[in-house]
Protein backbone atom coordinates (compact mmCIF):
# COMPACT_ATOMS: atom_id res chain seq x y z
CA MET A 1 120.24 101.72 125.71
CA LYS A 2 123.48 99.80 125.99
CA ASN A 3 123.29 96.21 127.23
CA SER A 4 125.16 96.99 130.42
CA VAL A 5 124.77 97.09 134.20
CA SER A 6 126.82 99.45 136.38
CA LEU A 7 127.51 98.97 140.08
CA SER A 8 129.52 100.99 142.62
CA ILE A 9 130.57 99.51 145.97
CA PRO A 10 132.70 100.83 148.85
CA SER A 11 136.21 99.35 148.94
CA GLN A 12 135.37 97.11 151.88
CA LYS A 13 135.54 93.32 151.96
CA ARG A 14 131.94 92.85 153.12
CA PHE A 15 130.65 94.29 149.83
CA VAL A 16 132.60 91.90 147.58
CA ARG A 17 130.03 89.13 148.01
CA PHE A 18 127.25 91.54 147.03
CA ALA A 19 129.06 92.49 143.80
CA LEU A 20 129.68 88.83 142.95
CA LYS A 21 125.97 88.06 143.34
CA ILE A 22 125.23 90.59 140.57
CA VAL A 23 127.95 89.07 138.37
CA GLU A 24 126.52 85.60 138.98
CA GLU A 25 123.10 86.80 137.84
CA ALA A 26 124.75 88.16 134.69
CA THR A 27 126.37 84.80 133.90
CA ASP A 28 123.02 83.08 134.33
CA LEU A 29 121.37 85.63 132.08
CA VAL A 30 123.76 84.90 129.21
CA GLY A 31 123.48 81.14 129.72
CA PHE A 32 127.02 80.25 130.81
CA ASP A 33 127.43 76.66 131.97
CA THR A 34 128.67 75.95 135.50
CA GLN A 35 132.34 75.92 134.53
CA LYS A 36 132.25 79.23 132.66
CA ARG A 37 130.16 80.82 135.40
CA ASP A 38 132.71 79.81 138.06
CA GLU A 39 135.61 81.03 135.92
CA VAL A 40 134.02 84.46 135.49
CA LEU A 41 133.22 84.66 139.21
CA ASN A 42 136.77 83.66 140.21
CA ALA A 43 138.31 86.21 137.84
CA THR A 44 135.99 88.97 139.07
CA ARG A 45 136.65 88.06 142.71
CA GLU A 46 140.41 88.38 142.16
CA LEU A 47 140.04 91.84 140.63
CA VAL A 48 137.52 93.21 143.14
CA GLU A 49 139.36 91.85 146.17
CA ASN A 50 142.60 93.24 144.78
CA GLY A 51 140.93 96.64 144.53
CA VAL A 52 139.58 96.41 148.07
CA LYS A 53 142.99 95.41 149.52
CA HIS A 54 145.40 97.52 147.49
CA ALA A 55 143.69 100.33 145.55
CA TYR A 56 143.38 102.83 148.37
CA PRO A 57 145.84 103.79 151.17
CA LYS A 58 145.36 101.94 154.44
CA GLY A 59 142.41 103.31 156.39
CA GLU A 60 140.90 105.08 153.38
CA VAL A 61 137.61 103.85 151.92
CA GLY A 62 137.13 104.54 148.23
CA ILE A 63 134.82 103.33 145.50
CA ILE A 64 135.15 100.26 143.27
CA ASP A 65 133.09 100.53 140.08
CA LEU A 66 131.96 97.53 138.07
CA GLU A 67 130.46 97.69 134.59
CA ILE A 68 129.03 94.47 133.16
CA ARG A 69 128.56 94.59 129.40
CA PHE A 70 126.54 92.06 127.42
CA LEU A 71 128.35 91.97 124.10
CA PRO A 72 127.31 90.16 120.88
CA HIS A 73 129.69 87.25 121.52
CA GLY A 74 130.35 87.29 125.23
CA LEU A 75 130.40 89.01 128.60
CA SER A 76 132.76 91.86 129.54
CA ILE A 77 133.35 93.04 133.11
CA GLU A 78 135.36 96.16 133.91
CA VAL A 79 136.59 96.88 137.44
CA HIS A 80 137.61 100.51 137.96
CA ASP A 81 138.96 102.50 140.88
CA MET A 82 140.33 105.97 141.60
CA GLY A 83 143.04 104.63 143.91
CA LEU A 84 146.81 104.33 143.86
CA PRO A 85 148.55 104.15 140.46
CA LEU A 86 150.36 100.93 139.61
CA ASP A 87 152.90 99.60 137.13
CA PHE A 88 150.93 96.80 135.48
CA GLU A 89 153.84 95.33 133.53
CA ARG A 90 156.03 95.08 136.62
CA ILE A 91 153.31 93.47 138.71
CA TYR A 92 152.35 91.09 135.93
CA LYS A 93 155.96 89.93 135.47
CA THR A 94 156.63 89.42 139.18
CA THR A 95 153.35 87.89 140.34
CA LYS A 96 152.96 84.12 140.56
CA GLY A 97 149.20 84.13 141.05
CA GLY A 98 146.70 86.98 141.02
CA LEU A 99 146.64 88.39 137.51
CA LYS A 100 148.06 85.18 136.02
CA ARG A 101 145.10 83.27 137.51
CA VAL A 102 142.68 85.86 136.14
CA GLU A 103 144.16 85.36 132.69
CA GLU A 104 143.64 81.60 132.95
CA TYR A 105 139.97 82.03 133.86
CA VAL A 106 138.98 84.30 130.95
CA ASP A 107 139.60 84.79 127.23
CA LYS A 108 141.03 88.29 127.58
CA LEU A 109 142.46 90.49 130.33
CA HIS A 110 143.17 94.16 129.68
CA PHE A 111 144.57 96.91 131.90
CA THR A 112 144.04 100.63 131.23
CA ASN A 113 145.74 103.52 133.00
CA HIS A 114 143.28 106.44 132.77
CA GLY A 115 145.68 108.97 134.31
CA GLN A 116 143.72 111.40 136.44
CA ASN A 117 140.62 109.24 135.94
CA GLY A 118 142.08 106.24 137.75
CA LYS A 119 142.71 102.76 136.38
CA SER A 120 140.71 99.73 135.33
CA PHE A 121 140.96 96.02 134.59
CA ALA A 122 138.63 94.48 132.03
CA ILE A 123 137.96 90.79 131.44
CA PHE A 124 136.09 89.11 128.58
CA LYS A 125 134.53 85.64 128.41
CA SER A 126 133.16 84.47 125.09
CA HIS A 127 129.80 82.86 124.43
CA GLU A 128 128.63 81.28 121.19
CA ASN A 129 124.97 82.30 121.34
CA MET A 130 124.19 85.81 122.59
CA GLU A 131 121.34 86.74 120.24
CA VAL A 132 118.88 86.63 123.12
CA LEU A 133 120.54 89.74 124.58
CA GLU A 134 120.18 92.03 121.58
CA ASP A 135 118.52 95.37 122.32
CA THR A 136 114.80 95.54 121.85
CA MET A 137 115.37 99.22 121.09
CA GLN A 138 117.34 99.45 117.85
CA PRO A 139 118.35 103.05 117.12
CA TYR A 140 117.83 103.53 113.41
CA SER A 141 120.70 104.12 111.04
CA ASP A 142 120.19 105.26 107.45
CA LEU A 143 123.53 103.83 106.37
CA GLU A 144 122.04 101.55 103.73
CA ASP A 145 119.05 103.66 102.74
CA ASN A 146 119.66 104.35 99.07
CA SER A 147 115.98 104.87 98.38
CA PRO A 148 115.49 107.57 95.73
CA SER A 149 113.72 110.77 96.71
CA SER A 150 110.97 109.88 94.23
CA LEU A 151 109.70 107.35 96.79
CA LYS A 152 108.96 110.08 99.31
CA PRO A 153 105.31 109.81 100.43
CA SER A 154 103.03 112.72 99.57
CA SER A 155 102.43 113.25 103.29
CA ILE A 156 106.10 114.24 103.75
CA THR A 157 107.20 117.84 103.22
CA ILE A 158 110.88 118.75 102.95
CA ARG A 159 111.38 122.28 104.25
CA ASP A 160 113.72 124.64 106.10
CA TYR A 161 113.79 124.62 109.88
CA GLN A 162 111.04 126.54 111.65
CA GLU A 163 110.91 127.66 115.25
CA GLY A 164 109.33 124.84 117.23
CA ASP A 165 111.15 122.04 115.36
CA GLU A 166 114.09 121.98 117.75
CA GLU A 167 112.78 119.49 120.33
CA ALA A 168 111.79 117.00 117.63
CA VAL A 169 115.28 117.28 116.09
CA SER A 170 116.94 116.49 119.44
CA ARG A 171 114.68 113.49 119.86
CA LEU A 172 115.58 112.25 116.38
CA ILE A 173 119.28 112.39 117.30
CA TYR A 174 118.48 110.39 120.41
CA SER A 175 116.47 107.80 118.48
CA ASN A 176 119.49 107.21 116.23
CA TYR A 177 122.41 107.46 118.67
CA THR A 178 120.93 107.53 122.20
CA TYR A 179 123.44 109.84 123.95
CA SER A 180 126.53 108.78 122.00
CA TYR A 181 126.47 111.47 119.28
CA TYR A 182 129.66 113.53 119.63
CA LYS A 183 128.16 116.82 118.34
CA SER A 184 126.45 117.20 121.67
CA LEU A 185 124.87 120.60 120.97
CA PHE A 186 122.13 118.76 119.05
CA TYR A 187 120.84 117.36 122.34
CA TYR A 188 119.96 120.94 123.36
CA PRO A 189 116.79 122.20 121.61
CA LYS A 190 117.55 125.78 122.67
CA LYS A 191 120.99 125.67 121.00
CA ILE A 192 119.52 124.27 117.77
CA LYS A 193 117.09 127.20 117.72
CA GLU A 194 119.78 129.81 118.48
CA LEU A 195 122.28 128.55 115.92
CA ASN A 196 119.66 128.39 113.17
CA GLU A 197 118.63 131.95 113.98
CA LYS A 198 122.28 133.10 113.84
CA GLY A 199 122.91 131.32 110.52
CA GLU A 200 125.65 129.15 112.01
CA ILE A 201 123.68 126.06 111.05
CA PHE A 202 120.95 125.61 108.46
CA SER A 203 118.63 122.76 109.34
CA ILE A 204 116.45 121.00 106.79
CA VAL A 205 113.63 118.84 108.14
CA ALA A 206 111.23 116.27 106.79
CA SER A 207 107.77 116.80 108.24
CA ASP A 208 104.96 114.27 108.12
CA ALA A 209 101.41 115.66 108.05
CA ALA A 210 100.34 113.42 110.93
CA THR A 211 103.52 112.72 112.90
CA GLY A 212 105.46 115.98 112.61
CA VAL A 213 109.24 116.14 112.14
CA VAL A 214 110.59 112.74 111.09
CA GLY A 215 113.92 113.69 109.47
CA HIS A 216 116.77 116.17 109.82
CA PHE A 217 119.78 117.16 107.69
CA ALA A 218 121.99 120.19 108.33
CA LEU A 219 124.58 122.52 106.91
CA VAL A 220 127.04 123.38 109.69
CA LYS A 221 129.00 126.52 108.80
CA LEU A 222 132.72 126.65 109.50
CA PRO A 223 133.99 129.73 111.38
CA ASP A 224 136.05 132.13 109.23
CA ALA A 225 135.08 130.32 106.02
CA ASN A 226 132.33 130.41 103.44
CA CYS A 227 132.10 126.64 103.63
CA ALA A 228 129.89 124.17 105.52
CA GLU A 229 129.82 120.55 106.58
CA ILE A 230 126.75 118.51 105.68
CA GLY A 231 125.61 116.07 108.31
CA VAL A 232 123.53 115.44 111.43
CA ALA A 233 121.38 113.37 109.07
CA VAL A 234 118.73 111.30 110.83
CA VAL A 235 115.36 109.78 109.96
CA HIS A 236 112.76 108.32 112.31
CA PRO A 237 112.83 104.48 112.33
CA ASP A 238 109.21 104.22 111.16
CA PHE A 239 110.03 106.14 107.96
CA LYS A 240 112.99 104.10 106.80
CA GLY A 241 113.31 103.34 103.09
CA HIS A 242 110.98 106.08 101.81
CA GLY A 243 113.59 108.23 100.07
CA ILE A 244 113.48 110.88 102.78
CA MET A 245 117.25 111.00 103.30
CA ASN A 246 117.95 111.67 99.63
CA ALA A 247 115.10 114.18 99.41
CA MET A 248 116.59 116.13 102.34
CA LEU A 249 120.08 115.99 100.80
CA GLU A 250 118.74 117.48 97.56
CA ARG A 251 117.28 120.36 99.56
CA VAL A 252 120.57 120.77 101.47
CA LEU A 253 122.47 121.13 98.19
CA GLU A 254 119.90 123.64 96.96
CA LYS A 255 120.23 125.58 100.21
CA ALA A 256 124.03 125.66 99.95
CA ARG A 257 123.83 127.27 96.52
CA GLN A 258 121.06 129.61 97.65
CA ILE A 259 123.14 131.09 100.48
CA GLY A 260 126.21 131.33 98.24
CA LEU A 261 128.61 128.85 99.84
CA ASP A 262 131.94 128.22 98.12
CA ALA A 263 131.95 124.53 99.01
CA ILE A 264 130.36 121.88 101.19
CA PHE A 265 131.83 118.65 102.50
CA GLY A 266 130.78 115.44 104.20
CA GLU A 267 132.68 113.35 106.74
CA ALA A 268 131.86 109.65 106.33
CA VAL A 269 132.58 107.51 109.40
CA MET A 270 134.90 104.73 108.24
CA LEU A 271 133.22 101.82 110.03
CA HIS A 272 131.16 101.06 106.90
CA PRO A 273 131.22 101.95 103.18
CA PHE A 274 127.67 103.29 102.86
CA SER A 275 128.17 106.99 103.63
CA GLN A 276 131.28 107.08 101.45
CA ARG A 277 129.31 105.56 98.59
CA ALA A 278 126.42 107.98 99.11
CA ASN A 279 128.73 111.02 98.95
CA LEU A 280 130.31 109.81 95.70
CA SER A 281 126.91 109.09 94.17
CA HIS A 282 125.96 112.76 94.72
CA GLY A 283 129.03 114.09 92.92
CA PHE A 284 131.34 114.72 95.86
CA GLY A 285 135.11 114.51 95.30
CA GLU A 286 137.35 112.61 97.73
CA SER A 287 139.91 114.73 99.57
CA ALA A 288 141.14 113.47 102.95
CA LEU A 289 141.29 110.56 105.41
CA ILE A 290 141.31 111.89 108.97
CA LEU A 291 142.24 109.47 111.75
CA GLY A 292 140.77 109.46 115.25
CA ILE A 293 138.44 112.41 114.89
CA VAL A 294 135.29 110.50 115.90
CA PRO A 295 135.24 109.85 119.67
CA ASN A 296 134.75 106.28 120.83
CA THR A 297 131.55 107.33 122.61
CA ILE A 298 129.63 107.25 119.32
CA SER A 299 127.53 104.12 118.87
CA LEU A 300 126.46 102.84 115.45
CA ARG A 301 123.88 100.07 115.67
CA ASP A 302 123.97 99.00 112.04
CA LYS A 303 124.79 95.26 111.93
CA ASN A 304 126.88 95.75 108.79
CA ALA A 305 129.20 98.31 110.43
CA LEU A 306 132.48 97.43 112.12
CA HIS A 307 132.64 98.01 115.86
CA THR A 308 135.67 99.29 117.72
CA ASP A 309 136.34 100.58 121.21
CA LYS A 310 138.76 103.17 119.81
CA ARG A 311 138.35 106.57 118.18
CA THR A 312 137.71 106.09 114.49
CA ALA A 313 138.43 107.83 111.20
CA VAL A 314 136.36 109.77 108.68
CA PHE A 315 136.73 110.07 104.93
CA VAL A 316 136.18 113.60 103.70
CA ALA A 317 134.59 114.41 100.35
CA TYR A 318 133.85 117.87 98.94
CA LYS A 319 131.40 119.40 96.54
CA VAL A 320 133.04 122.60 95.30
CA LEU A 321 130.30 125.00 94.26
CA ARG A 322 132.55 127.82 93.00
CA LYS A 323 135.25 126.53 90.68
CA GLU A 324 136.13 129.81 88.97
CA ARG A 325 138.79 130.68 91.57
CA LYS A 326 142.40 130.55 90.38
CA ASN A 327 144.04 127.72 92.33
CA THR A 328 147.67 128.78 92.55
CA ILE A 329 149.29 126.66 95.24
CA PHE A 330 152.64 125.67 96.71
CA LEU A 331 153.05 121.98 95.96
CA PRO A 332 154.89 119.85 98.53
CA LYS A 333 157.43 117.64 96.77
CA ARG A 334 156.80 114.66 99.07
CA TYR A 335 153.04 114.63 98.42
CA GLU A 336 152.80 116.34 95.03
CA LYS A 337 151.24 113.34 93.26
CA LEU A 338 148.54 112.91 95.94
CA VAL A 339 147.73 116.62 96.13
CA ARG A 340 147.37 116.84 92.35
CA LYS A 341 145.07 113.81 92.35
CA ILE A 342 142.87 115.29 95.09
CA TYR A 343 142.40 118.53 93.11
CA MET A 344 141.58 116.42 90.05
CA ASN A 345 139.04 114.42 92.11
CA ASN A 346 137.23 117.69 92.72
CA GLY A 347 137.42 118.98 89.14
CA LEU A 348 139.86 121.75 90.00
CA GLU A 349 142.82 122.87 87.91
CA ILE A 350 145.95 124.10 89.67
CA SER A 351 149.09 126.04 88.87
CA GLU A 352 152.26 126.14 90.96
CA ALA A 353 152.94 129.27 93.02
CA LYS A 354 156.33 131.00 93.03
CA LYS A 355 158.21 131.62 96.26
CA GLU A 356 158.97 135.22 95.38
CA ASP A 357 155.22 136.00 95.32
CA ALA A 358 154.68 134.83 98.92
CA LYS A 359 154.11 137.21 101.82
CA ALA A 360 157.03 137.60 104.18
CA GLU A 361 155.39 137.95 107.59
CA GLN A 362 154.89 134.92 109.81
CA LYS A 363 151.44 133.60 110.69
CA ILE A 364 150.92 130.49 112.79
CA THR A 365 148.14 129.70 115.29
CA TYR A 366 146.36 126.73 116.82
CA GLU A 367 142.76 125.65 117.38
CA MET A 368 141.18 123.35 119.96
CA SER A 369 138.05 121.20 119.56
CA SER A 370 136.27 120.24 122.77
CA TYR A 371 133.82 118.07 120.78
CA THR A 372 136.52 115.76 119.49
CA ASN A 373 139.39 116.32 121.97
CA THR A 374 141.70 117.23 119.10
CA ALA A 375 143.94 120.19 118.29
CA THR A 376 144.98 121.76 114.99
CA LEU A 377 148.18 123.65 114.28
CA VAL A 378 147.35 126.19 111.54
CA ILE A 379 150.41 127.16 109.50
CA ASP A 380 149.70 129.97 107.05
CA ARG A 381 153.22 131.34 106.67
CA LEU A 382 156.60 130.76 108.29
CA SER A 383 159.44 133.16 107.62
CA ARG A 384 162.03 132.48 110.34
CA ASN A 385 163.48 129.62 112.34
CA ILE A 386 160.92 127.11 111.10
CA ARG A 387 162.19 124.19 113.17
CA HIS A 388 162.02 125.98 116.54
CA THR A 389 158.75 127.78 115.76
CA ILE A 390 156.91 124.55 114.95
CA LYS A 391 158.47 122.79 117.94
CA HIS A 392 157.33 125.59 120.25
CA TYR A 393 153.70 125.33 119.12
CA LEU A 394 153.71 121.54 119.19
CA MET A 395 154.97 121.56 122.78
CA LEU A 396 151.97 123.73 123.69
CA LEU A 397 149.63 121.19 122.08
CA TYR A 398 151.34 118.14 123.61
CA LYS A 399 150.54 119.61 127.02
CA LYS A 400 146.83 119.70 126.13
CA HIS A 401 146.74 115.87 126.16
CA VAL A 402 144.55 115.67 123.09
CA ASP A 403 144.12 112.37 121.23
CA MET A 404 144.92 113.75 117.77
CA ILE A 405 146.99 116.71 116.60
CA PHE A 406 146.43 117.97 113.07
CA ALA A 407 148.63 120.36 111.12
CA ASP A 408 146.89 122.41 108.41
CA ILE A 409 149.37 124.00 105.99
CA ASN A 410 148.12 126.82 103.79
CA LEU A 411 148.72 125.69 100.21
CA MET A 412 148.19 129.21 98.86
CA GLN A 413 150.49 131.09 101.23
CA CYS A 414 153.08 128.79 102.78
CA ALA A 415 156.10 129.02 100.47
CA GLU A 416 158.17 127.04 102.99
CA ILE A 417 155.91 124.01 102.65
CA ASP A 418 158.70 121.49 102.00
CA GLU A 419 160.60 122.57 105.13
CA VAL A 420 157.37 122.46 107.15
CA VAL A 421 156.54 118.94 105.92
CA LYS A 422 160.08 117.78 106.72
CA LYS A 423 159.85 119.08 110.30
CA LEU A 424 156.37 117.61 110.85
CA LYS A 425 157.54 114.25 109.54
CA LYS A 426 160.32 114.25 112.13
CA GLU A 427 157.69 114.79 114.82
CA GLY A 428 155.76 111.74 113.57
CA PHE A 429 153.05 113.39 111.45
CA VAL A 430 151.60 111.52 108.46
CA PHE A 431 149.59 112.64 105.45
CA SER A 432 145.83 113.20 105.64
CA GLY A 433 144.63 115.13 102.55
CA VAL A 434 143.43 118.51 101.33
CA LEU A 435 140.68 120.67 102.86
CA PHE A 436 139.21 123.18 100.40
CA TYR A 437 138.11 126.74 101.33
CA ARG A 438 138.95 125.86 104.91
CA ARG A 439 139.82 129.32 106.22
CA ASN A 440 139.26 132.64 104.46
CA GLN A 441 138.78 130.89 101.10
CA ASP A 442 142.24 129.27 101.22
CA ASP A 443 142.97 125.54 100.80
CA TYR A 444 145.01 123.63 103.36
CA MET A 445 146.95 120.39 103.22
CA ARG A 446 146.34 118.44 106.42
CA MET A 447 148.86 116.23 108.19
CA GLN A 448 148.04 114.28 111.35
CA LEU A 449 149.71 112.93 114.47
CA VAL A 450 148.26 110.07 116.51
CA ASN A 451 148.77 111.21 120.11
CA SER A 452 146.98 108.39 121.94
CA ASP A 453 146.73 104.59 122.05
CA ASN A 454 142.97 105.07 121.79
CA VAL A 455 142.98 105.78 118.03
CA GLU A 456 141.89 103.11 115.53
CA THR A 457 144.36 102.66 112.68
CA LYS A 458 143.56 99.08 111.63
CA SER A 459 139.78 98.55 111.47
CA ILE A 460 139.05 101.10 108.75
CA VAL A 461 136.66 100.47 105.87
CA CYS A 462 137.33 101.97 102.43
CA TYR A 463 134.83 102.04 99.57
CA SER A 464 136.77 103.47 96.62
CA GLY A 465 140.13 102.81 95.01
CA PHE A 466 141.43 106.24 95.97
CA CYS A 467 140.45 105.65 99.59
CA HIS A 468 142.49 102.43 99.59
CA GLU A 469 145.42 104.29 98.02
CA LEU A 470 145.30 107.02 100.65
CA LEU A 471 144.99 104.51 103.51
CA GLU A 472 147.98 102.59 102.16
CA VAL A 473 150.10 105.77 102.21
CA ILE A 474 149.00 106.60 105.76
CA ASN A 475 149.66 103.07 107.07
CA ARG A 476 153.08 103.01 105.44
CA GLU A 477 153.99 106.33 107.05
CA LEU A 478 152.68 105.15 110.43
CA SER A 479 154.86 102.05 110.22
CA GLU A 480 157.91 104.26 109.57
CA LYS A 481 157.47 106.22 112.82
C-alpha cells in the first residue's frame, strides 16, 4: 500500500482542530523537530481554514479532503475541495498573507485546478531521514532480472494459460502494482478467462509444483491487426532471479510464431533502462517514443527507477516475424532520415511509393482509449481540403479532454503525407516513430500532441543511442511550439 493517510471533514470550523491533530501525529511519526512540526501545522491550518471559510457558498456545508503522504524525503499534505473555482495567480499576487505565509512555512506549495473534480493545494516539507517509513510490503518488479532461463528450477513449468489460472494472475498483478496497473482488466479474473477463450489475449504462465502460478506473460492482440503487444509480465516476489521471466518470454515468442502473427512489440516504461535493454537483448528493433501514454496512477517500486507524478512515456520496440512483405511507403520529407533508420532498425527494406498509385477516396477516423485517456487520429488517405478536414477531426478530439492526442498516418496509403505533416506541425504535433502492421497489415508513422500539463517530458530515461537521438528530436520540436 501507499504510505498515505486520507481524511475527509465537513467544511465547518469545529472540525479543523480534529484534522490538525492527525497532521500533528504525522509530523511526530516522521520525526520532525518542534520548529518543522509547527511550520507544517501552521501551513495546513491556513489551507484548511481557507477551505472552510471560502470554498463553499455561504450556508452550504461541503467536504474538505486531506491526504497525507509519507514520501522518501519528506511529508506531503494535499487539501482538496469541490467548492467554488478560484484564480490562484490573481489571489497569490494580491494577497499579503495567507498563501504567502504558507509558502514561508514549507519547501513547496502547489495549486491544481482539477476542473469538474474541484481544486487542491499541496504542500511539501523535506526531511533528511525517512527510511523508517518505507513500505514493509514491497511489490516486486522484475526490472533488473536478467537471469537466464537456464536457471529456471525444475519445479517450474512454463505453459499456456488454463482455465482456473485467472485468479492467480490477478493476484500476481496486485503483488507487483497493488491497484495502480493501468490495464485494469487484469484485475478481473473473469475477463482474463473470457479474453483468453476468445483469442484476444494469449497468456503464458509459470507454474510451480507446490505453489501454483507464480509468473505471467501475455500477448495482447491489437484489433484489426495481425499483431500483438507483449507485456503484463509479472513474477511472484519469492521467485525472483530464477530465470522465470526470460523462460516465459521465450515461450511468448514461440507462441507468436505458432499463431502466425506478423509482428509483436513491447512498450518499455521510460522511468528506467531495464525493459528497454531487455527488449534489445531479445532482438527487438526500436521504433517509437510515445509520450504520456502511461497514466500517473501506475506505481513502480523499483529503487533504481525514476519517480514522477506525471504521465510518463514508453519506448516501443518491434520484432517483425514476417519480413517478406514489400514495404513500399510514402516517405515524409521532414522525417525521411528517421523513418529510414527505424525500418533499418527492424531489418526491413523499403522503396518509395508513387503518388499516382495511391487510392483517391478519403479515409480518416479516430479512436479513443479509456485505459490511457488518449485519442488517436487515424489518417489513411486524404483527397480533399486537407487543412479543414484535419482541423475538423482535431476539434472533435480537443473536446474529449484527453491528455494526449496521437496522429497515425498510413505510410502505405497516404500520398499527401507531407501536407498532413505540415498541418499537424502547425497544430503543435511532434514526431513519435513508426508502428508496424498497426492496422490491416499497414505501417503508420505516429505524431503526438501533448494536451495536458500532466505529461512528463523531462524525466525520461533512454538506454540506447537511437533512443537519445529520438528524444532529442522530440524535445527540440516541443521547444519550437
